[in-house]
N, C-alpha and C. Protein backbone atom coordinates (compact mmCIF):
# COMPACT_ATOMS: atom_id res chain seq x y z
N MET A 1 14.03 12.22 5.21
CA MET A 1 13.64 10.84 4.97
C MET A 1 14.79 10.05 4.34
N SER A 2 15.99 10.50 4.59
CA SER A 2 17.15 9.82 4.06
C SER A 2 17.21 8.38 4.58
N GLY A 3 17.57 7.45 3.71
CA GLY A 3 17.67 6.06 4.11
C GLY A 3 16.36 5.30 4.08
N LYS A 4 15.30 5.94 3.62
CA LYS A 4 14.00 5.26 3.54
C LYS A 4 13.55 5.20 2.09
N PHE A 5 12.74 4.21 1.78
CA PHE A 5 12.21 4.03 0.44
C PHE A 5 10.84 4.67 0.35
N LYS A 6 10.66 5.57 -0.63
CA LYS A 6 9.41 6.30 -0.79
C LYS A 6 8.48 5.55 -1.74
N TYR A 7 7.22 5.43 -1.34
CA TYR A 7 6.20 4.79 -2.16
C TYR A 7 4.92 5.62 -2.10
N PHE A 8 4.08 5.44 -3.10
CA PHE A 8 2.72 5.95 -3.06
C PHE A 8 1.83 4.73 -3.04
N ILE A 9 0.99 4.61 -2.03
CA ILE A 9 0.11 3.45 -1.89
C ILE A 9 -1.23 3.78 -2.52
N GLU A 10 -1.62 3.01 -3.52
CA GLU A 10 -2.96 3.11 -4.10
C GLU A 10 -3.75 1.94 -3.58
N LEU A 11 -4.71 2.24 -2.74
CA LEU A 11 -5.49 1.23 -2.04
C LEU A 11 -6.73 0.89 -2.85
N ILE A 12 -6.86 -0.37 -3.24
CA ILE A 12 -8.00 -0.83 -4.03
C ILE A 12 -8.95 -1.58 -3.11
N GLN A 13 -10.20 -1.15 -3.10
CA GLN A 13 -11.24 -1.82 -2.32
C GLN A 13 -12.31 -2.30 -3.29
N GLU A 14 -12.55 -3.59 -3.29
CA GLU A 14 -13.54 -4.16 -4.20
C GLU A 14 -14.81 -4.49 -3.43
N ASN A 15 -15.88 -3.79 -3.75
CA ASN A 15 -17.17 -4.03 -3.10
C ASN A 15 -18.23 -4.23 -4.17
N GLU A 16 -18.85 -5.40 -4.17
CA GLU A 16 -19.95 -5.70 -5.08
C GLU A 16 -19.59 -5.42 -6.53
N GLY A 17 -18.39 -5.82 -6.94
CA GLY A 17 -17.98 -5.70 -8.33
C GLY A 17 -17.44 -4.35 -8.73
N ALA A 18 -17.60 -3.33 -7.90
CA ALA A 18 -17.09 -2.00 -8.23
C ALA A 18 -15.82 -1.75 -7.43
N ALA A 19 -14.81 -1.25 -8.10
CA ALA A 19 -13.54 -0.96 -7.42
C ALA A 19 -13.45 0.53 -7.15
N SER A 20 -12.96 0.86 -5.98
CA SER A 20 -12.68 2.25 -5.65
C SER A 20 -11.25 2.33 -5.16
N SER A 21 -10.68 3.52 -5.18
CA SER A 21 -9.30 3.63 -4.74
C SER A 21 -9.09 4.92 -3.97
N GLU A 22 -8.06 4.91 -3.14
CA GLU A 22 -7.60 6.09 -2.43
C GLU A 22 -6.08 5.97 -2.37
N GLY A 23 -5.41 7.05 -2.08
CA GLY A 23 -3.96 6.99 -2.09
C GLY A 23 -3.33 7.74 -0.95
N THR A 24 -2.10 7.36 -0.62
CA THR A 24 -1.34 8.02 0.43
C THR A 24 0.15 7.78 0.20
N ASN A 25 0.98 8.70 0.63
CA ASN A 25 2.43 8.52 0.57
C ASN A 25 2.88 7.68 1.76
N ALA A 26 3.92 6.89 1.56
CA ALA A 26 4.46 6.07 2.65
C ALA A 26 5.97 5.94 2.48
N TYR A 27 6.65 5.80 3.58
CA TYR A 27 8.09 5.59 3.60
C TYR A 27 8.37 4.32 4.40
N PHE A 28 9.16 3.42 3.83
CA PHE A 28 9.53 2.18 4.50
C PHE A 28 11.04 2.10 4.61
N VAL A 29 11.53 1.51 5.69
CA VAL A 29 12.97 1.36 5.91
C VAL A 29 13.56 0.39 4.90
N ASN A 30 12.81 -0.67 4.57
CA ASN A 30 13.26 -1.69 3.61
C ASN A 30 12.39 -1.64 2.37
N PRO A 31 12.94 -2.04 1.21
CA PRO A 31 12.11 -2.09 0.00
C PRO A 31 11.03 -3.15 0.15
N VAL A 32 9.91 -2.94 -0.53
CA VAL A 32 8.81 -3.90 -0.50
C VAL A 32 8.53 -4.37 -1.92
N SER A 33 7.82 -5.50 -2.05
CA SER A 33 7.54 -6.04 -3.38
C SER A 33 6.21 -6.78 -3.37
N LYS A 34 5.81 -7.25 -4.55
CA LYS A 34 4.54 -7.94 -4.74
C LYS A 34 4.41 -9.11 -3.76
N GLY A 35 3.24 -9.23 -3.16
CA GLY A 35 2.97 -10.31 -2.22
C GLY A 35 3.24 -9.96 -0.77
N ASP A 36 3.99 -8.89 -0.52
CA ASP A 36 4.28 -8.47 0.85
C ASP A 36 3.02 -7.93 1.52
N ILE A 37 2.89 -8.17 2.81
CA ILE A 37 1.84 -7.56 3.61
C ILE A 37 2.45 -6.34 4.28
N ILE A 38 1.80 -5.19 4.11
CA ILE A 38 2.32 -3.95 4.69
C ILE A 38 1.28 -3.31 5.59
N TYR A 39 1.76 -2.50 6.52
CA TYR A 39 0.89 -1.76 7.44
C TYR A 39 1.37 -0.32 7.47
N TRP A 40 0.44 0.63 7.58
CA TRP A 40 0.79 2.04 7.64
C TRP A 40 -0.29 2.79 8.40
N ASP A 41 0.06 3.97 8.86
CA ASP A 41 -0.89 4.84 9.56
C ASP A 41 -1.30 5.97 8.64
N ASN A 42 -2.56 6.37 8.73
CA ASN A 42 -3.04 7.54 7.99
C ASN A 42 -3.97 8.33 8.89
N GLU A 43 -4.63 9.33 8.34
CA GLU A 43 -5.49 10.20 9.14
C GLU A 43 -6.69 9.47 9.75
N HIS A 44 -7.00 8.28 9.25
CA HIS A 44 -8.14 7.51 9.76
C HIS A 44 -7.71 6.39 10.70
N GLY A 45 -6.42 6.26 10.98
CA GLY A 45 -5.92 5.20 11.84
C GLY A 45 -4.96 4.30 11.09
N SER A 46 -4.85 3.06 11.51
CA SER A 46 -3.93 2.11 10.89
C SER A 46 -4.64 1.32 9.79
N CYS A 47 -3.88 1.00 8.74
CA CYS A 47 -4.38 0.20 7.63
C CYS A 47 -3.37 -0.90 7.34
N GLY A 48 -3.83 -1.92 6.66
CA GLY A 48 -2.95 -2.98 6.21
C GLY A 48 -3.42 -3.49 4.87
N GLY A 49 -2.50 -4.11 4.12
CA GLY A 49 -2.87 -4.64 2.83
C GLY A 49 -1.81 -5.53 2.24
N VAL A 50 -2.18 -6.22 1.18
CA VAL A 50 -1.28 -7.08 0.44
C VAL A 50 -0.93 -6.38 -0.87
N ILE A 51 0.35 -6.29 -1.18
CA ILE A 51 0.78 -5.64 -2.42
C ILE A 51 0.45 -6.55 -3.60
N LYS A 52 -0.39 -6.06 -4.52
CA LYS A 52 -0.76 -6.81 -5.71
C LYS A 52 0.19 -6.54 -6.87
N SER A 53 0.73 -5.32 -6.96
CA SER A 53 1.72 -5.00 -7.98
C SER A 53 2.46 -3.73 -7.59
N VAL A 54 3.60 -3.52 -8.24
CA VAL A 54 4.42 -2.33 -8.02
C VAL A 54 4.67 -1.69 -9.38
N GLU A 55 4.36 -0.39 -9.50
CA GLU A 55 4.62 0.36 -10.73
C GLU A 55 5.73 1.36 -10.43
N HIS A 56 6.85 1.26 -11.16
CA HIS A 56 7.98 2.15 -10.91
C HIS A 56 7.89 3.37 -11.82
N HIS A 57 8.00 4.55 -11.21
CA HIS A 57 8.00 5.83 -11.91
C HIS A 57 9.27 6.58 -11.53
N PRO A 58 9.66 7.62 -12.27
CA PRO A 58 10.93 8.30 -12.00
C PRO A 58 11.07 8.84 -10.57
N THR A 59 10.01 9.36 -9.98
CA THR A 59 10.14 9.98 -8.66
C THR A 59 9.58 9.14 -7.52
N VAL A 60 8.79 8.13 -7.82
CA VAL A 60 8.17 7.32 -6.77
C VAL A 60 7.71 5.99 -7.36
N SER A 61 7.67 4.97 -6.52
CA SER A 61 7.07 3.70 -6.93
C SER A 61 5.66 3.63 -6.36
N VAL A 62 4.71 3.19 -7.18
CA VAL A 62 3.31 3.10 -6.77
C VAL A 62 3.02 1.65 -6.41
N LEU A 63 2.49 1.46 -5.21
CA LEU A 63 2.09 0.14 -4.76
C LEU A 63 0.58 0.00 -4.93
N ILE A 64 0.15 -1.00 -5.67
CA ILE A 64 -1.27 -1.31 -5.80
C ILE A 64 -1.57 -2.34 -4.72
N VAL A 65 -2.42 -1.96 -3.75
CA VAL A 65 -2.60 -2.75 -2.54
C VAL A 65 -4.07 -3.11 -2.35
N ARG A 66 -4.32 -4.38 -2.00
CA ARG A 66 -5.67 -4.81 -1.61
C ARG A 66 -5.75 -4.72 -0.10
N LYS A 67 -6.69 -3.94 0.38
CA LYS A 67 -6.85 -3.72 1.82
C LYS A 67 -7.25 -5.01 2.53
N ILE A 68 -6.68 -5.22 3.70
CA ILE A 68 -7.06 -6.35 4.55
C ILE A 68 -7.52 -5.80 5.89
N ASN A 69 -8.32 -6.58 6.58
CA ASN A 69 -8.70 -6.24 7.94
C ASN A 69 -7.51 -6.56 8.83
N LEU A 70 -7.21 -5.69 9.77
CA LEU A 70 -6.10 -5.96 10.68
C LEU A 70 -6.39 -7.26 11.42
N GLY A 71 -5.39 -8.13 11.47
CA GLY A 71 -5.58 -9.44 12.07
C GLY A 71 -5.79 -10.54 11.04
N GLU A 72 -6.13 -10.17 9.79
CA GLU A 72 -6.30 -11.13 8.70
C GLU A 72 -4.92 -11.51 8.20
N SER A 73 -4.66 -12.78 7.94
CA SER A 73 -3.33 -13.21 7.53
C SER A 73 -3.21 -13.51 6.05
N LYS A 74 -4.29 -13.43 5.28
CA LYS A 74 -4.22 -13.73 3.85
C LYS A 74 -4.51 -12.52 3.03
């Protein structure tokens, strides 16, 4: 994975006031930051989301992402 930026995506889904989360590793060619819309593939298919914040740790940066429906632009 040389030349790629490693992240851990923590996906936040807010339903009826309760938040739940799931996570996955991701590698991007370019660095990403707050406000970016990102897309990735996982075992359930493709996902997309808006980065709400980035937490930097020694071995990986954690992206806190709000899931969006594919095709949604906001």
